[in-house]
């Protein structure tokens, strides 16, 4: 693994049951309006991090998921699964060529990886 293959945690997605109410709370907390505001996703870019609100996410997510930014999502998934992780959600394009995937560690904790185009 090269140092440049992992760029750290820059994205945290929060499952929400009411996107409108959650957007108001996070706008107040972060002190800025969302940079992405759609019925299916609201995202804030603040302090070098992206904070996302995922409506209906409670069905798939039970807590916030941190996303490690990587340069090669397939290679990183292969690396973590070889080390004992299990893929939860295979890579998928969430818009603009941005790929996300999740996996679980041996204790069942959900972690994410994200690859920008």
Protein backbone atom coordinates (compact mmCIF):
# COMPACT_ATOMS: atom_id res chain seq x y z
CA UNK A 1 0.00 0.00 0.00
CA UNK A 2 1.30 3.43 -0.89
CA UNK A 3 0.74 6.44 1.31
CA UNK A 4 -1.24 8.20 -1.42
CA UNK A 5 -3.80 5.38 -1.65
CA UNK A 6 -5.58 6.57 1.50
CA UNK A 7 -6.42 10.22 1.98
CA UNK A 8 -8.14 9.93 5.37
CA UNK A 9 -11.71 10.42 6.51
CA UNK A 10 -13.27 13.29 4.62
CA UNK A 11 -16.88 12.14 4.36
CA UNK A 12 -19.39 11.19 7.04
CA UNK A 13 -22.94 10.20 6.08
CA UNK A 14 -25.77 10.37 8.60
CA UNK A 15 -29.03 8.43 8.15
CA UNK A 16 -32.07 10.65 8.75
CA UNK A 17 -35.80 9.98 8.93
CA UNK A 18 -36.86 13.57 8.13
CA UNK A 19 -34.54 15.30 5.66
CA UNK A 20 -36.15 18.74 6.08
CA UNK A 21 -35.81 18.76 9.87
CA UNK A 22 -32.30 17.32 9.75
CA UNK A 23 -31.21 19.91 7.18
CA UNK A 24 -32.33 22.70 9.53
CA UNK A 25 -30.38 21.23 12.46
CA UNK A 26 -27.18 20.66 10.47
CA UNK A 27 -27.41 24.11 8.87
CA UNK A 28 -27.62 25.62 12.35
CA UNK A 29 -24.81 23.42 13.66
CA UNK A 30 -22.42 24.03 10.77
CA UNK A 31 -23.34 27.68 10.19
CA UNK A 32 -23.61 27.31 6.41
CA UNK A 33 -26.31 26.26 3.94
CA UNK A 34 -25.93 22.91 2.21
CA UNK A 35 -23.89 22.79 -0.98
CA UNK A 36 -25.90 19.80 -2.27
CA UNK A 37 -29.64 19.98 -1.66
CA UNK A 38 -31.85 17.38 -3.31
CA UNK A 39 -34.79 15.25 -2.14
CA UNK A 40 -32.47 12.21 -2.05
CA UNK A 41 -29.39 13.81 -0.41
CA UNK A 42 -28.24 16.94 1.41
CA UNK A 43 -24.51 17.61 1.72
CA UNK A 44 -22.38 20.18 3.50
CA UNK A 45 -18.71 20.95 2.81
CA UNK A 46 -17.11 22.41 5.91
CA UNK A 47 -13.61 22.36 7.38
CA UNK A 48 -12.25 20.04 4.68
CA UNK A 49 -14.95 17.45 5.34
CA UNK A 50 -18.19 16.51 3.63
CA UNK A 51 -21.17 15.89 5.93
CA UNK A 52 -24.06 14.15 4.17
CA UNK A 53 -27.65 13.48 5.17
CA UNK A 54 -29.22 10.36 3.68
CA UNK A 55 -33.03 10.20 3.88
CA UNK A 56 -34.41 6.76 4.56
CA UNK A 57 -30.86 5.75 5.42
CA UNK A 58 -32.05 4.19 8.65
CA UNK A 59 -33.08 1.07 6.69
CA UNK A 60 -29.50 0.53 5.47
CA UNK A 61 -27.55 2.42 8.13
CA UNK A 62 -27.98 2.33 11.90
CA UNK A 63 -25.40 5.01 12.69
CA UNK A 64 -23.21 7.48 10.82
CA UNK A 65 -20.72 5.87 8.46
CA UNK A 66 -17.27 7.36 7.92
CA UNK A 67 -15.86 7.17 4.43
CA UNK A 68 -12.10 6.90 3.87
CA UNK A 69 -11.12 8.55 0.60
CA UNK A 70 -9.00 6.24 -1.55
CA UNK A 71 -7.49 6.43 -5.00
CA UNK A 72 -8.55 2.91 -6.10
CA UNK A 73 -11.74 1.63 -4.48
CA UNK A 74 -11.53 -1.88 -5.98
CA UNK A 75 -7.93 -2.36 -4.83
CA UNK A 76 -8.73 -1.10 -1.33
CA UNK A 77 -11.73 -3.42 -1.02
CA UNK A 78 -9.56 -6.33 -2.12
CA UNK A 79 -6.96 -5.35 0.45
CA UNK A 80 -9.39 -5.06 3.38
CA UNK A 81 -11.26 -8.25 2.49
CA UNK A 82 -7.96 -10.14 2.29
CA UNK A 83 -7.30 -8.84 5.80
CA UNK A 84 -10.64 -10.17 7.12
CA UNK A 85 -13.29 -7.56 6.24
CA UNK A 86 -16.54 -8.38 4.43
CA UNK A 87 -18.02 -6.25 1.65
CA UNK A 88 -21.44 -4.93 2.69
CA UNK A 89 -22.25 -2.78 -0.38
CA UNK A 90 -20.24 -3.11 -3.59
CA UNK A 91 -18.95 0.04 -5.28
CA UNK A 92 -21.65 2.16 -6.87
CA UNK A 93 -21.65 5.52 -8.62
CA UNK A 94 -23.49 8.11 -6.53
CA UNK A 95 -23.19 10.82 -9.16
CA UNK A 96 -20.51 12.47 -11.19
CA UNK A 97 -18.32 9.38 -11.19
CA UNK A 98 -17.93 9.33 -7.39
CA UNK A 99 -17.84 5.71 -6.21
CA UNK A 100 -18.75 4.55 -2.71
CA UNK A 101 -18.76 1.15 -1.04
CA UNK A 102 -19.08 -0.16 2.50
CA UNK A 103 -17.58 -3.09 4.33
CA UNK A 104 -17.65 -4.53 7.83
CA UNK A 105 -14.69 -5.21 10.04
CA UNK A 106 -14.47 -8.53 11.94
CA UNK A 107 -16.66 -7.05 14.73
CA UNK A 108 -19.40 -5.92 12.36
CA UNK A 109 -18.54 -2.21 12.38
CA UNK A 110 -19.49 -0.58 9.08
CA UNK A 111 -16.80 1.44 7.31
CA UNK A 112 -16.91 3.14 3.94
CA UNK A 113 -14.52 3.90 1.12
CA UNK A 114 -14.97 6.64 -1.44
CA UNK A 115 -13.20 7.27 -4.74
CA UNK A 116 -13.54 10.59 -6.54
CA UNK A 117 -13.20 10.66 -10.32
